[in-house]
Amino acid sequence: MARRDKINYYLDIAETVAARGTCLRRNFGAIIVKNDQIISTGYVGAPRGRKNCSDLGVCTRERMGVPRGERYELCRSVHAEANAIIHASRTDMTDATLYLVGKEADGSYVQNANPCAMCKRLIINAGIAKVVVRDDRDNFRVTRVYDRYVLDDDTLPELGY
């Protein structure tokens, strides 16, 4: 029996974490790993004490016809990456890797998944060095945070720089 490679091992764990998500559209699971130790996990869900969309049976953004990737302020949930980050210390996250898996409501993998702009900012400030995103059961993309989120700052063209 072939042994699972380490990156997919951690992505498998992140996928299991995603199963706790409460979004009716798509769920993500995130884990932060440093020195081969899991530092923190996070999944999509409403802030503590608030009702989840899965409890209410309705997605506000879907009911309003808001396209995916827009108007996140209307969403009841905290993103998986944000939940993982707020449950760990910056010291533990410095130079760590964040593993991210997204699943659609139908169980398929989210295609071309990436952290949203707000989560990218949190990832930068947390000191996380790499983000690994699953594309399918065995394939993934590795992003070096400094190169892609800091040096290649996609917010500058909007500002005319």
C-alpha atoms as a PDB file:
ATOM      1  CA  MET A   1       0.000   0.000   0.000  1.00  0.00           C
ATOM      2  CA  ALA A   2       1.398   3.393  -1.021  1.00  0.00           C
ATOM      3  CA  ARG A   3       1.879   5.902   1.757  1.00  0.00           C
ATOM      4  CA  ARG A   4       0.072   9.259   1.327  1.00  0.00           C
ATOM      5  CA  ASP A   5       2.464  12.162   0.714  1.00  0.00           C
ATOM      6  CA  LYS A   6       2.723  14.714   3.536  1.00  0.00           C
ATOM      7  CA  ILE A   7       1.067  17.608   1.692  1.00  0.00           C
ATOM      8  CA  ASN A   8      -1.998  15.544   0.788  1.00  0.00           C
ATOM      9  CA  TYR A   9      -2.052  14.156   4.325  1.00  0.00           C
ATOM     10  CA  TYR A  10      -2.498  17.694   5.665  1.00  0.00           C
ATOM     11  CA  LEU A  11      -4.967  18.556   2.909  1.00  0.00           C
ATOM     12  CA  ASP A  12      -6.975  15.444   3.856  1.00  0.00           C
ATOM     13  CA  ILE A  13      -7.157  16.758   7.413  1.00  0.00           C
ATOM     14  CA  ALA A  14      -8.254  20.190   6.160  1.00  0.00           C
ATOM     15  CA  GLU A  15     -10.924  18.471   4.075  1.00  0.00           C
ATOM     16  CA  THR A  16     -12.210  16.699   7.171  1.00  0.00           C
ATOM     17  CA  VAL A  17     -12.283  20.052   8.991  1.00  0.00           C
ATOM     18  CA  ALA A  18     -14.337  21.499   6.101  1.00  0.00           C
ATOM     19  CA  ALA A  19     -17.043  18.917   6.812  1.00  0.00           C
ATOM     20  CA  ARG A  20     -17.852  20.892   9.990  1.00  0.00           C
ATOM     21  CA  GLY A  21     -18.720  23.965   7.880  1.00  0.00           C
ATOM     22  CA  THR A  22     -22.218  25.384   7.998  1.00  0.00           C
ATOM     23  CA  CYS A  23     -22.449  27.286   4.693  1.00  0.00           C
ATOM     24  CA  LEU A  24     -25.200  26.228   2.302  1.00  0.00           C
ATOM     25  CA  ARG A  25     -23.150  27.200  -0.800  1.00  0.00           C
ATOM     26  CA  ARG A  26     -19.620  25.924  -0.142  1.00  0.00           C
ATOM     27  CA  ASN A  27     -17.438  25.034   2.793  1.00  0.00           C
ATOM     28  CA  PHE A  28     -13.738  25.388   3.393  1.00  0.00           C
ATOM     29  CA  GLY A  29     -11.441  23.814   5.914  1.00  0.00           C
ATOM     30  CA  ALA A  30      -8.095  25.292   6.873  1.00  0.00           C
ATOM     31  CA  ILE A  31      -5.261  24.026   9.011  1.00  0.00           C
ATOM     32  CA  ILE A  32      -2.077  25.812   9.957  1.00  0.00           C
ATOM     33  CA  VAL A  33       1.025  23.632  10.258  1.00  0.00           C
ATOM     34  CA  LYS A  34       4.494  24.540  11.497  1.00  0.00           C
ATOM     35  CA  ASN A  35       7.424  22.181  11.980  1.00  0.00           C
ATOM     36  CA  ASP A  36       5.190  19.238  11.097  1.00  0.00           C
ATOM     37  CA  GLN A  37       2.746  20.076  13.895  1.00  0.00           C
ATOM     38  CA  ILE A  38      -0.842  21.267  13.484  1.00  0.00           C
ATOM     39  CA  ILE A  39      -1.119  24.669  15.166  1.00  0.00           C
ATOM     40  CA  SER A  40      -4.771  25.448  14.456  1.00  0.00           C
ATOM     41  CA  THR A  41      -7.832  24.505  12.423  1.00  0.00           C
ATOM     42  CA  GLY A  42     -10.764  26.491  11.103  1.00  0.00           C
ATOM     43  CA  TYR A  43     -13.937  26.001   9.103  1.00  0.00           C
ATOM     44  CA  VAL A  44     -16.705  28.225   7.720  1.00  0.00           C
ATOM     45  CA  GLY A  45     -19.323  29.107  10.309  1.00  0.00           C
ATOM     46  CA  ALA A  46     -21.191  31.919  12.026  1.00  0.00           C
ATOM     47  CA  PRO A  47     -19.540  33.651  14.973  1.00  0.00           C
ATOM     48  CA  ARG A  48     -20.009  31.879  18.309  1.00  0.00           C
ATOM     49  CA  GLY A  49     -23.540  32.232  19.615  1.00  0.00           C
ATOM     50  CA  ARG A  50     -25.069  33.240  16.282  1.00  0.00           C
ATOM     51  CA  LYS A  51     -27.202  30.929  14.183  1.00  0.00           C
ATOM     52  CA  ASN A  52     -25.540  29.315  11.174  1.00  0.00           C
ATOM     53  CA  CYS A  53     -27.059  29.376   7.697  1.00  0.00           C
ATOM     54  CA  SER A  54     -27.442  25.606   7.938  1.00  0.00           C
ATOM     55  CA  ASP A  55     -29.594  26.130  11.069  1.00  0.00           C
ATOM     56  CA  LEU A  56     -31.667  28.846   9.384  1.00  0.00           C
ATOM     57  CA  GLY A  57     -31.999  26.958   6.108  1.00  0.00           C
ATOM     58  CA  VAL A  58     -31.252  30.069   4.072  1.00  0.00           C
ATOM     59  CA  CYS A  59     -28.227  31.909   2.701  1.00  0.00           C
ATOM     60  CA  THR A  60     -28.768  35.668   2.818  1.00  0.00           C
ATOM     61  CA  ARG A  61     -26.428  36.332  -0.089  1.00  0.00           C
ATOM     62  CA  GLU A  62     -28.092  33.647  -2.219  1.00  0.00           C
ATOM     63  CA  ARG A  63     -31.570  34.962  -1.368  1.00  0.00           C
ATOM     64  CA  MET A  64     -30.425  38.441  -2.471  1.00  0.00           C
ATOM     65  CA  GLY A  65     -28.889  37.085  -5.699  1.00  0.00           C
ATOM     66  CA  VAL A  66     -25.351  38.142  -4.763  1.00  0.00           C
ATOM     67  CA  PRO A  67     -22.775  36.417  -7.012  1.00  0.00           C
ATOM     68  CA  ARG A  68     -20.047  34.329  -5.432  1.00  0.00           C
ATOM     69  CA  GLY A  69     -16.981  36.309  -4.453  1.00  0.00           C
ATOM     70  CA  GLU A  70     -18.915  39.539  -3.838  1.00  0.00           C
ATOM     71  CA  ARG A  71     -20.422  41.344  -0.848  1.00  0.00           C
ATOM     72  CA  TYR A  72     -18.871  39.172   1.852  1.00  0.00           C
ATOM     73  CA  GLU A  73     -20.085  41.659   4.461  1.00  0.00           C
ATOM     74  CA  LEU A  74     -23.579  40.215   3.962  1.00  0.00           C
ATOM     75  CA  CYS A  75     -22.400  36.704   4.835  1.00  0.00           C
ATOM     76  CA  ARG A  76     -23.163  35.344   8.323  1.00  0.00           C
ATOM     77  CA  SER A  77     -19.989  33.269   8.404  1.00  0.00           C
ATOM     78  CA  VAL A  78     -16.356  33.689   9.341  1.00  0.00           C
ATOM     79  CA  HIS A  79     -14.053  32.157   6.714  1.00  0.00           C
ATOM     80  CA  ALA A  80     -12.043  29.029   7.508  1.00  0.00           C
ATOM     81  CA  GLU A  81      -8.701  30.802   7.136  1.00  0.00           C
ATOM     82  CA  ALA A  82      -9.789  33.578   9.528  1.00  0.00           C
ATOM     83  CA  ASN A  83     -11.051  31.054  12.086  1.00  0.00           C
ATOM     84  CA  ALA A  84      -7.762  29.143  11.964  1.00  0.00           C
ATOM     85  CA  ILE A  85      -5.759  32.359  12.330  1.00  0.00           C
ATOM     86  CA  ILE A  86      -7.717  33.740  15.288  1.00  0.00           C
ATOM     87  CA  HIS A  87      -7.208  30.492  17.189  1.00  0.00           C
ATOM     88  CA  ALA A  88      -3.387  30.606  17.053  1.00  0.00           C
ATOM     89  CA  SER A  89      -0.646  32.942  18.213  1.00  0.00           C
ATOM     90  CA  ARG A  90       1.408  34.880  15.675  1.00  0.00           C
ATOM     91  CA  THR A  91       4.558  33.345  17.112  1.00  0.00           C
ATOM     92  CA  ASP A  92       3.254  29.896  16.218  1.00  0.00           C
ATOM     93  CA  MET A  93       2.121  31.002  12.751  1.00  0.00           C
ATOM     94  CA  THR A  94       5.324  32.784  11.668  1.00  0.00           C
ATOM     95  CA  ASP A  95       6.782  30.803   8.729  1.00  0.00           C
ATOM     96  CA  ALA A  96       3.952  28.247   8.950  1.00  0.00           C
ATOM     97  CA  THR A  97       1.930  26.749   6.091  1.00  0.00           C
ATOM     98  CA  LEU A  98      -1.836  27.104   5.742  1.00  0.00           C
ATOM     99  CA  TYR A  99      -3.572  24.176   4.001  1.00  0.00           C
ATOM    100  CA  LEU A 100      -6.957  24.999   2.443  1.00  0.00           C
ATOM    101  CA  VAL A 101      -9.657  22.778   0.936  1.00  0.00           C
ATOM    102  CA  GLY A 102     -12.990  23.969  -0.459  1.00  0.00           C
ATOM    103  CA  LYS A 103     -16.012  21.791  -1.184  1.00  0.00           C
ATOM    104  CA  GLU A 104     -19.143  22.810  -3.062  1.00  0.00           C
ATOM    105  CA  ALA A 105     -22.571  21.928  -1.687  1.00  0.00           C
ATOM    106  CA  ASP A 106     -22.689  18.993  -4.153  1.00  0.00           C
ATOM    107  CA  GLY A 107     -19.450  17.579  -2.684  1.00  0.00           C
ATOM    108  CA  SER A 108     -17.156  18.512  -5.572  1.00  0.00           C
ATOM    109  CA  TYR A 109     -13.984  20.501  -4.996  1.00  0.00           C
ATOM    110  CA  VAL A 110     -14.139  24.271  -5.408  1.00  0.00           C
ATOM    111  CA  GLN A 111     -12.374  25.027  -8.680  1.00  0.00           C
ATOM    112  CA  ASN A 112      -9.574  27.615  -8.654  1.00  0.00           C
ATOM    113  CA  ALA A 113     -10.065  28.211  -4.944  1.00  0.00           C
ATOM    114  CA  ASN A 114      -8.029  30.944  -3.294  1.00  0.00           C
ATOM    115  CA  PRO A 115      -8.324  32.979  -0.105  1.00  0.00           C
ATOM    116  CA  CYS A 116     -10.436  36.115  -0.487  1.00  0.00           C
ATOM    117  CA  ALA A 117      -8.797  39.555  -0.294  1.00  0.00           C
ATOM    118  CA  MET A 118      -9.556  39.933   3.416  1.00  0.00           C
ATOM    119  CA  CYS A 119      -8.184  36.485   4.273  1.00  0.00           C
ATOM    120  CA  LYS A 120      -5.041  37.235   2.242  1.00  0.00           C
ATOM    121  CA  ARG A 121      -4.456  40.270   4.467  1.00  0.00           C
ATOM    122  CA  LEU A 122      -4.922  38.160   7.579  1.00  0.00           C
ATOM    123  CA  ILE A 123      -2.536  35.511   6.217  1.00  0.00           C
ATOM    124  CA  ILE A 124       0.110  38.170   5.537  1.00  0.00           C
ATOM    125  CA  ASN A 125      -0.185  39.700   8.999  1.00  0.00           C
ATOM    126  CA  ALA A 126      -0.197  36.293  10.681  1.00  0.00           C
ATOM    127  CA  GLY A 127       3.265  35.672   9.237  1.00  0.00           C
ATOM    128  CA  ILE A 128       2.213  32.553   7.332  1.00  0.00           C
ATOM    129  CA  ALA A 129       4.816  31.703   4.672  1.00  0.00           C
ATOM    130  CA  LYS A 130       2.917  29.380   2.301  1.00  0.00           C
ATOM    131  CA  VAL A 131      -0.653  28.560   1.350  1.00  0.00           C
ATOM    132  CA  VAL A 132      -1.427  25.156  -0.171  1.00  0.00           C
ATOM    133  CA  VAL A 133      -4.806  24.849  -1.907  1.00  0.00           C
ATOM    134  CA  ARG A 134      -6.314  21.538  -3.015  1.00  0.00           C
ATOM    135  CA  ASP A 135      -7.609  21.335  -6.606  1.00  0.00           C
ATOM    136  CA  ASP A 136      -8.753  17.702  -6.436  1.00  0.00           C
ATOM    137  CA  ARG A 137      -8.047  14.648  -4.320  1.00  0.00           C
ATOM    138  CA  ASP A 138      -4.367  14.462  -5.311  1.00  0.00           C
ATOM    139  CA  ASN A 139      -3.453  17.810  -6.874  1.00  0.00           C
ATOM    140  CA  PHE A 140      -2.757  21.127  -5.227  1.00  0.00           C
ATOM    141  CA  ARG A 141      -1.134  24.533  -5.710  1.00  0.00           C
ATOM    142  CA  VAL A 142       1.511  26.066  -3.451  1.00  0.00           C
ATOM    143  CA  THR A 143       1.651  29.836  -3.063  1.00  0.00           C
ATOM    144  CA  ARG A 144       4.488  31.657  -1.354  1.00  0.00           C
ATOM    145  CA  VAL A 145       2.740  34.425   0.559  1.00  0.00           C
ATOM    146  CA  TYR A 146       5.460  37.063   0.227  1.00  0.00           C
ATOM    147  CA  ASP A 147       5.817  36.557  -3.537  1.00  0.00           C
ATOM    148  CA  ARG A 148       2.100  36.362  -4.458  1.00  0.00           C
ATOM    149  CA  TYR A 149       0.281  38.357  -1.776  1.00  0.00           C
ATOM    150  CA  VAL A 150       2.863  41.005  -0.878  1.00  0.00           C
ATOM    151  CA  LEU A 151       5.143  41.645  -3.887  1.00  0.00           C
ATOM    152  CA  ASP A 152       2.384  40.874  -6.418  1.00  0.00           C
ATOM    153  CA  ASP A 153      -0.143  43.110  -4.630  1.00  0.00           C
ATOM    154  CA  ASP A 154      -3.319  42.763  -6.696  1.00  0.00           C
ATOM    155  CA  THR A 155      -4.923  45.772  -4.963  1.00  0.00           C
ATOM    156  CA  LEU A 156      -2.486  48.308  -6.482  1.00  0.00           C
ATOM    157  CA  PRO A 157      -3.927  48.365 -10.044  1.00  0.00           C
ATOM    158  CA  GLU A 158      -7.277  49.412  -8.572  1.00  0.00           C
ATOM    159  CA  LEU A 159      -5.541  52.381  -6.970  1.00  0.00           C
ATOM    160  CA  GLY A 160      -3.763  53.418 -10.154  1.00  0.00           C
ATOM    161  CA  TYR A 161      -0.233  52.383  -9.067  1.00  0.00           C
END
